[in-house]
């Protein structure tokens, strides 16, 4: 398959791995931000190809995982209102709130629907003028343009029975929060290629300079990731710290100007709470005053709902790169995909789900990876 097989070629992977072995002389810790990259690393055993001195840690790059518990509870409350059609991507339906999940609301008779686009939800609103249709707008900068377009079209078409529950988060402030923590051990970052396809990577330059860390915009296939790691290690060994673009086949420095313009039209930057991490200033999006009528949180009066995280779940430490999933006492025992304690076990991009799926041996400690890339 074009643009897939050539980036999973075993010989190419081994060449990159061998190049990393040759230049790595000291211990280095590299964080991948994207949950898709995490799954590729664990599935294909890319970490097992690396020198023992190179440690990969997993960052807060799964939007489902960082959606705070109280926002899940707000979604549950809204979905339980009479006359509401609550629309969401499939992953969110299984994320546990304080007492239940969206599947439970659906089982009790709530009209909860899986859609593949916010524009699908807008179409449902057009077809059901007597209902209130709410879309759960979760995601990083990648999904923001489509959600902005749905709201833009709702205003243009005067579809007043449509609203969105916003849970958008931004990557650069999360990187800064990790780097500024006294517990930080990350020395380089693989930036998420799909985010940078939208936003570009100019905003990473001051971060790389301020914290003296290499940041490499990286794709999602095995060869992309190994090349990104090589580029990071090369900079680290030379004492350099700049932004590089491994994912040049998709990402431009300025990103997608039209998509960025639409985001700025519909959304404004706000402080946002991240599940397991806490509030990060200027790390989220909310609707501007011009589009505030489409804010489901205000429309349904659920702003005051608050919730506390389970003390047993260490997803916050996993999302900050401070722990691996298998270091959690509940992993694979009291926390499984069927009975998850936290979102990192629920989401298809969650680090805990990746380790459970591909590395069940020895409570998740790397046993044997699966996939096309062979071990060295």
Protein backbone atom coordinates (compact mmCIF):
# COMPACT_ATOMS: atom_id res chain seq x y z
CA UNK A 1 0.00 0.00 0.00
CA UNK A 2 1.55 3.28 -1.09
CA UNK A 3 2.82 5.49 1.75
CA UNK A 4 2.44 2.63 4.24
CA UNK A 5 4.60 -0.34 3.26
CA UNK A 6 7.62 1.77 2.37
CA UNK A 7 7.54 3.27 5.89
CA UNK A 8 7.38 -0.17 7.52
CA UNK A 9 10.30 -1.67 5.64
CA UNK A 10 12.33 -3.84 8.03
CA UNK A 11 15.72 -3.21 6.43
CA UNK A 12 15.19 0.54 6.57
CA UNK A 13 14.20 0.30 10.22
CA UNK A 14 17.35 -1.61 11.05
CA UNK A 15 19.47 0.94 9.22
CA UNK A 16 18.04 3.74 11.35
CA UNK A 17 18.42 1.67 14.51
CA UNK A 18 22.04 0.89 13.70
CA UNK A 19 22.72 4.58 13.02
CA UNK A 20 21.33 5.44 16.45
CA UNK A 21 23.53 2.77 18.06
CA UNK A 22 26.60 4.27 16.39
CA UNK A 23 26.09 7.85 17.55
CA UNK A 24 24.55 7.36 21.02
CA UNK A 25 27.28 7.73 23.66
CA UNK A 26 25.22 8.86 26.67
CA UNK A 27 21.82 8.18 28.22
CA UNK A 28 19.02 10.23 26.66
CA UNK A 29 15.27 10.41 27.32
CA UNK A 30 12.98 11.21 24.41
CA UNK A 31 9.22 11.78 24.66
CA UNK A 32 6.78 11.17 21.83
CA UNK A 33 3.74 13.41 22.20
CA UNK A 34 1.28 11.55 19.97
CA UNK A 35 -0.70 8.50 21.12
CA UNK A 36 -0.55 7.12 17.58
CA UNK A 37 3.23 7.20 17.81
CA UNK A 38 3.07 5.45 21.19
CA UNK A 39 1.05 2.60 19.71
CA UNK A 40 3.44 2.25 16.77
CA UNK A 41 6.44 2.15 19.13
CA UNK A 42 4.91 -0.55 21.32
CA UNK A 43 3.30 -2.56 18.50
CA UNK A 44 6.39 -2.73 16.31
CA UNK A 45 8.89 -2.99 19.17
CA UNK A 46 10.79 0.12 18.08
CA UNK A 47 12.05 0.78 21.60
CA UNK A 48 13.62 -2.70 21.60
CA UNK A 49 15.69 -1.77 18.57
CA UNK A 50 17.32 1.13 20.39
CA UNK A 51 20.42 1.21 22.58
CA UNK A 52 19.70 0.61 26.26
CA UNK A 53 20.81 4.18 26.91
CA UNK A 54 17.88 5.62 24.92
CA UNK A 55 14.67 5.77 26.94
CA UNK A 56 11.35 6.51 25.27
CA UNK A 57 8.60 7.94 27.47
CA UNK A 58 5.01 8.58 26.49
CA UNK A 59 3.45 12.04 26.61
CA UNK A 60 -0.05 13.54 26.83
CA UNK A 61 -0.77 13.09 23.12
CA UNK A 62 -4.06 11.21 23.40
CA UNK A 63 -6.98 13.68 23.42
CA UNK A 64 -9.37 11.12 24.89
CA UNK A 65 -6.90 10.43 27.71
CA UNK A 66 -6.46 14.06 28.74
CA UNK A 67 -10.17 14.96 28.70
CA UNK A 68 -10.83 15.74 32.39
CA UNK A 69 -13.16 13.61 34.45
CA UNK A 70 -15.51 16.51 35.15
CA UNK A 71 -15.99 17.12 31.42
CA UNK A 72 -16.99 13.47 31.01
CA UNK A 73 -19.50 14.01 33.82
CA UNK A 74 -20.81 17.10 32.01
CA UNK A 75 -21.22 15.02 28.85
CA UNK A 76 -23.15 12.39 30.83
CA UNK A 77 -25.42 15.04 32.30
CA UNK A 78 -26.16 16.63 28.93
CA UNK A 79 -26.72 13.26 27.23
CA UNK A 80 -29.28 12.41 29.95
CA UNK A 81 -31.40 15.52 29.27
CA UNK A 82 -34.79 14.78 27.63
CA UNK A 83 -34.89 15.71 23.96
CA UNK A 84 -31.11 15.62 23.50
CA UNK A 85 -29.27 13.71 20.78
CA UNK A 86 -25.69 13.42 21.99
CA UNK A 87 -23.12 12.74 19.25
CA UNK A 88 -19.52 11.68 19.72
CA UNK A 89 -16.63 9.78 18.25
CA UNK A 90 -16.70 6.14 19.39
CA UNK A 91 -13.75 6.24 21.80
CA UNK A 92 -15.46 8.68 24.13
CA UNK A 93 -18.44 6.42 24.81
CA UNK A 94 -16.37 4.05 26.95
CA UNK A 95 -14.41 6.64 28.93
CA UNK A 96 -15.50 6.31 32.56
CA UNK A 97 -16.92 9.30 34.37
CA UNK A 98 -17.38 9.42 38.13
CA UNK A 99 -20.25 6.91 38.10
CA UNK A 100 -20.88 5.78 34.52
CA UNK A 101 -20.00 6.22 30.85
CA UNK A 102 -21.92 7.31 27.74
CA UNK A 103 -22.74 3.69 26.86
CA UNK A 104 -24.53 3.47 30.21
CA UNK A 105 -26.57 6.56 29.35
CA UNK A 106 -27.43 4.98 26.01
CA UNK A 107 -28.45 1.74 27.75
CA UNK A 108 -30.80 3.71 30.00
CA UNK A 109 -32.55 5.14 26.94
CA UNK A 110 -30.48 8.21 26.16
CA UNK A 111 -30.10 9.06 22.47
CA UNK A 112 -26.33 8.73 22.19
CA UNK A 113 -24.93 8.31 18.68
CA UNK A 114 -21.51 7.59 17.21
CA UNK A 115 -20.63 9.88 14.32
CA UNK A 116 -17.53 10.20 12.17
CA UNK A 117 -17.55 13.98 11.78
CA UNK A 118 -19.02 17.00 13.57
CA UNK A 119 -20.68 17.81 10.25
CA UNK A 120 -22.61 14.53 10.61
CA UNK A 121 -23.93 15.84 13.92
CA UNK A 122 -24.87 19.12 12.25
CA UNK A 123 -26.80 17.13 9.63
CA UNK A 124 -28.66 15.30 12.43
CA UNK A 125 -29.61 18.69 13.91
CA UNK A 126 -30.97 19.84 10.55
CA UNK A 127 -33.03 16.66 10.25
CA UNK A 128 -34.35 16.88 13.83
CA UNK A 129 -35.39 20.49 14.48
CA UNK A 130 -37.38 19.47 17.55
CA UNK A 131 -34.32 18.01 19.28
CA UNK A 132 -31.19 19.54 20.79
CA UNK A 133 -28.13 18.00 19.11
CA UNK A 134 -24.79 18.17 20.94
CA UNK A 135 -21.41 17.13 19.56
CA UNK A 136 -18.58 16.23 21.96
CA UNK A 137 -15.73 18.29 20.46
CA UNK A 138 -12.64 16.53 21.78
CA UNK A 139 -9.17 16.77 20.33
CA UNK A 140 -5.93 18.60 19.74
CA UNK A 141 -5.41 21.20 17.05
CA UNK A 142 -5.89 18.44 14.47
CA UNK A 143 -9.66 18.18 14.90
CA UNK A 144 -10.27 21.85 15.68
CA UNK A 145 -10.82 22.94 12.04
CA UNK A 146 -13.66 20.45 11.47
CA UNK A 147 -15.34 21.41 14.75
CA UNK A 148 -14.92 25.09 13.92
CA UNK A 149 -16.47 24.48 10.50
CA UNK A 150 -19.51 22.77 12.06
CA UNK A 151 -20.13 25.76 14.34
CA UNK A 152 -19.45 28.23 11.51
CA UNK A 153 -21.99 26.43 9.31
CA UNK A 154 -24.53 26.22 12.14
CA UNK A 155 -24.41 30.00 12.56
CA UNK A 156 -24.50 30.62 8.81
CA UNK A 157 -27.49 28.29 8.30
CA UNK A 158 -29.21 29.47 11.52
CA UNK A 159 -29.33 25.95 12.97
CA UNK A 160 -30.03 26.90 16.57
CA UNK A 161 -30.60 23.38 17.93
CA UNK A 162 -26.93 22.49 17.50
CA UNK A 163 -24.15 22.99 20.06
CA UNK A 164 -20.76 21.55 20.98
CA UNK A 165 -19.21 20.51 24.29
CA UNK A 166 -15.67 21.79 23.83
CA UNK A 167 -12.65 19.88 25.12
CA UNK A 168 -9.92 21.11 22.78
CA UNK A 169 -6.35 21.18 24.05
CA UNK A 170 -3.14 22.61 22.57
CA UNK A 171 0.20 20.80 22.38
CA UNK A 172 2.87 23.52 22.87
CA UNK A 173 1.65 24.61 26.34
CA UNK A 174 1.63 20.96 27.44
CA UNK A 175 5.25 20.58 26.32
CA UNK A 176 6.15 23.68 28.32
CA UNK A 177 4.30 22.35 31.38
CA UNK A 178 6.31 19.13 31.21
CA UNK A 179 9.62 20.92 30.71
CA UNK A 180 9.00 23.40 33.54
CA UNK A 181 8.15 20.67 36.06
CA UNK A 182 10.85 19.96 38.68
CA UNK A 183 10.24 16.26 38.01
CA UNK A 184 10.96 16.56 34.30
CA UNK A 185 13.40 14.10 32.76
CA UNK A 186 12.60 14.63 29.07
CA UNK A 187 15.53 15.86 26.96
CA UNK A 188 13.98 15.83 23.47
CA UNK A 189 10.54 15.61 21.86
CA UNK A 190 8.97 13.94 18.87
CA UNK A 191 6.25 16.45 17.95
CA UNK A 192 2.99 15.14 16.52
CA UNK A 193 2.98 15.38 12.73
CA UNK A 194 -0.79 15.69 12.33
CA UNK A 195 -0.97 18.65 14.72
CA UNK A 196 1.83 20.39 12.84
CA UNK A 197 0.10 19.69 9.52
CA UNK A 198 -2.57 22.11 10.76
CA UNK A 199 -0.57 24.54 12.90
CA UNK A 200 2.93 24.36 11.43
CA UNK A 201 5.89 24.35 13.78
CA UNK A 202 6.96 27.97 14.20
CA UNK A 203 5.55 28.04 17.75
CA UNK A 204 8.00 25.30 18.80
CA UNK A 205 11.08 27.44 18.05
CA UNK A 206 10.93 29.52 21.28
CA UNK A 207 10.30 26.38 23.33
CA UNK A 208 13.35 24.63 21.90
CA UNK A 209 15.43 27.73 22.56
CA UNK A 210 14.08 28.50 26.05
CA UNK A 211 14.48 24.97 27.41
CA UNK A 212 17.42 23.88 25.24
CA UNK A 213 15.63 20.78 23.90
CA UNK A 214 15.55 19.35 20.38
CA UNK A 215 12.02 19.07 18.93
CA UNK A 216 11.54 16.95 15.80
CA UNK A 217 8.19 16.99 13.98
CA UNK A 218 7.62 13.29 13.28
CA UNK A 219 5.22 11.02 11.40
CA UNK A 220 3.56 7.86 12.66
CA UNK A 221 5.03 4.90 10.81
CA UNK A 222 8.03 2.91 12.13
CA UNK A 223 10.57 4.51 9.80
CA UNK A 224 9.23 7.97 10.56
CA UNK A 225 9.62 7.42 14.29
CA UNK A 226 13.08 5.87 14.10
CA UNK A 227 14.30 8.68 11.86
CA UNK A 228 12.80 11.21 14.28
CA UNK A 229 14.63 9.55 17.19
CA UNK A 230 17.87 9.57 15.18
CA UNK A 231 17.47 13.29 14.49
CA UNK A 232 16.86 13.94 18.21
CA UNK A 233 19.86 11.88 19.34
CA UNK A 234 22.08 13.52 16.74
CA UNK A 235 21.20 16.95 18.16
CA UNK A 236 21.58 15.80 21.75
CA UNK A 237 25.02 14.36 21.10
CA UNK A 238 26.11 17.63 19.47
CA UNK A 239 24.63 19.80 22.21
CA UNK A 240 22.15 21.38 19.78
CA UNK A 241 18.52 22.34 20.37
CA UNK A 242 16.43 23.35 17.39
CA UNK A 243 13.22 22.35 15.63
CA UNK A 244 13.51 19.93 12.70
CA UNK A 245 10.85 18.53 10.39
CA UNK A 246 11.06 14.81 9.70
CA UNK A 247 7.48 14.73 8.37
CA UNK A 248 8.14 17.02 5.40
CA UNK A 249 5.81 15.03 3.15
CA UNK A 250 2.87 16.44 5.13
CA UNK A 251 4.04 19.36 7.27
CA UNK A 252 4.97 22.89 6.21
CA UNK A 253 6.48 25.46 8.55
CA UNK A 254 3.33 27.65 8.46
CA UNK A 255 0.94 24.69 8.54
CA UNK A 256 -2.44 25.11 6.85
CA UNK A 257 -3.27 28.86 6.77
CA UNK A 258 -6.95 28.35 5.91
CA UNK A 259 -7.48 25.87 8.74
CA UNK A 260 -5.67 28.14 11.20
CA UNK A 261 -7.77 31.10 10.11
CA UNK A 262 -10.99 29.16 10.70
CA UNK A 263 -9.83 28.10 14.17
CA UNK A 264 -9.06 31.73 15.06
CA UNK A 265 -12.47 32.80 13.75
CA UNK A 266 -14.46 30.39 15.94
CA UNK A 267 -12.25 29.68 18.96
CA UNK A 268 -10.26 31.63 21.54
CA UNK A 269 -7.37 30.40 23.69
CA UNK A 270 -8.18 29.67 27.35
CA UNK A 271 -6.76 27.80 30.34
CA UNK A 272 -7.75 24.14 30.19
CA UNK A 273 -7.68 21.32 32.73
CA UNK A 274 -5.91 18.12 31.58
CA UNK A 275 -6.90 14.79 33.09
CA UNK A 276 -4.30 13.61 35.56
CA UNK A 277 -2.17 16.73 35.06
CA UNK A 278 -4.26 19.70 36.14
CA UNK A 279 -4.88 23.12 34.66
CA UNK A 280 -2.38 24.44 32.12
CA UNK A 281 -2.61 28.13 31.19
CA UNK A 282 -3.43 28.97 27.58
CA UNK A 283 -3.65 25.28 26.71
CA UNK A 284 -7.20 24.99 25.42
CA UNK A 285 -9.81 26.41 23.09
CA UNK A 286 -13.26 27.79 23.83
CA UNK A 287 -15.84 29.42 21.58
CA UNK A 288 -15.48 33.15 20.94
CA UNK A 289 -18.23 35.56 22.01
CA UNK A 290 -19.55 35.61 18.45
CA UNK A 291 -20.22 31.85 18.58
CA UNK A 292 -20.99 31.51 22.30
CA UNK A 293 -24.62 30.53 21.62
CA UNK A 294 -23.32 27.15 20.42
CA UNK A 295 -21.59 26.34 23.72
CA UNK A 296 -23.35 23.27 25.15
CA UNK A 297 -21.80 23.74 28.59
CA UNK A 298 -23.59 27.09 28.94
CA UNK A 299 -26.75 26.04 27.12
CA UNK A 300 -27.38 23.16 29.52
CA UNK A 301 -26.04 24.85 32.66
CA UNK A 302 -23.45 22.24 33.59
CA UNK A 303 -20.54 24.60 34.27
CA UNK A 304 -20.52 23.86 38.01
CA UNK A 305 -20.07 20.09 37.71
CA UNK A 306 -16.74 19.06 39.29
CA UNK A 307 -15.15 15.67 39.90
CA UNK A 308 -12.08 14.14 41.53
CA UNK A 309 -9.82 11.58 39.84
CA UNK A 310 -9.43 8.04 41.16
CA UNK A 311 -6.41 7.99 43.49
CA UNK A 312 -5.55 4.49 42.25
CA UNK A 313 -5.08 5.54 38.61
CA UNK A 314 -1.60 6.85 37.73
CA UNK A 315 -2.55 8.00 34.23
CA UNK A 316 -1.35 11.51 35.03
CA UNK A 317 2.15 10.20 35.74
CA UNK A 318 2.05 8.13 32.54
CA UNK A 319 0.95 11.16 30.50
CA UNK A 320 3.83 13.22 31.91
CA UNK A 321 6.39 10.55 31.07
CA UNK A 322 7.14 9.87 34.73
CA UNK A 323 5.83 6.29 34.80
CA UNK A 324 5.28 3.45 32.35
CA UNK A 325 1.86 1.73 32.34
CA UNK A 326 3.21 -1.52 33.80
CA UNK A 327 4.46 0.39 36.86
CA UNK A 328 0.85 0.83 37.97
CA UNK A 329 -0.26 -1.73 40.57
CA UNK A 330 -3.70 -1.89 38.95
CA UNK A 331 -2.44 -2.46 35.38
CA UNK A 332 -3.91 -5.63 33.89
CA UNK A 333 -5.40 -6.60 37.25
CA UNK A 334 -7.98 -4.05 38.42
CA UNK A 335 -7.58 -1.97 35.26
CA UNK A 336 -8.23 -3.60 31.88
CA UNK A 337 -9.88 -2.40 28.64
CA UNK A 338 -13.12 -4.08 29.78
CA UNK A 339 -12.98 -2.51 33.25
CA UNK A 340 -10.79 0.60 32.95
CA UNK A 341 -9.89 2.85 35.85
CA UNK A 342 -8.79 5.65 33.55
CA UNK A 343 -8.90 6.94 30.00
CA UNK A 344 -5.37 5.76 29.09
CA UNK A 345 -6.72 2.20 29.17
CA UNK A 346 -9.90 3.07 27.23
CA UNK A 347 -8.65 5.08 24.29
CA UNK A 348 -7.38 3.41 21.13
CA UNK A 349 -4.40 5.81 21.44
CA UNK A 350 -3.85 5.39 25.19
CA UNK A 351 -0.46 4.20 26.41
CA UNK A 352 -1.97 1.73 28.89
CA UNK A 353 -4.14 0.23 26.15
CA UNK A 354 -1.06 -0.15 23.93
CA UNK A 355 0.92 -2.01 26.59
CA UNK A 356 -2.06 -4.19 27.48
CA UNK A 357 -2.68 -5.11 23.85
CA UNK A 358 0.86 -5.74 22.70
CA UNK A 359 2.85 -6.53 25.87
CA UNK A 360 0.79 -8.48 28.35
CA UNK A 361 3.73 -10.61 29.47
CA UNK A 362 5.22 -9.88 32.89
CA UNK A 363 2.47 -7.35 33.69
CA UNK A 364 3.26 -5.34 30.59
CA UNK A 365 7.05 -5.32 30.81
CA UNK A 366 8.40 -5.50 27.27
CA UNK A 367 8.32 -9.13 26.24
CA UNK A 368 7.96 -9.53 22.50
CA UNK A 369 6.61 -6.85 20.20
CA UNK A 370 4.36 -7.63 17.30
CA UNK A 371 4.46 -6.28 13.76
CA UNK A 372 6.52 -6.17 10.60
CA UNK A 373 9.68 -4.64 12.07
CA UNK A 374 12.00 -7.37 13.39
CA UNK A 375 14.05 -7.15 16.55
CA UNK A 376 17.77 -6.60 16.32
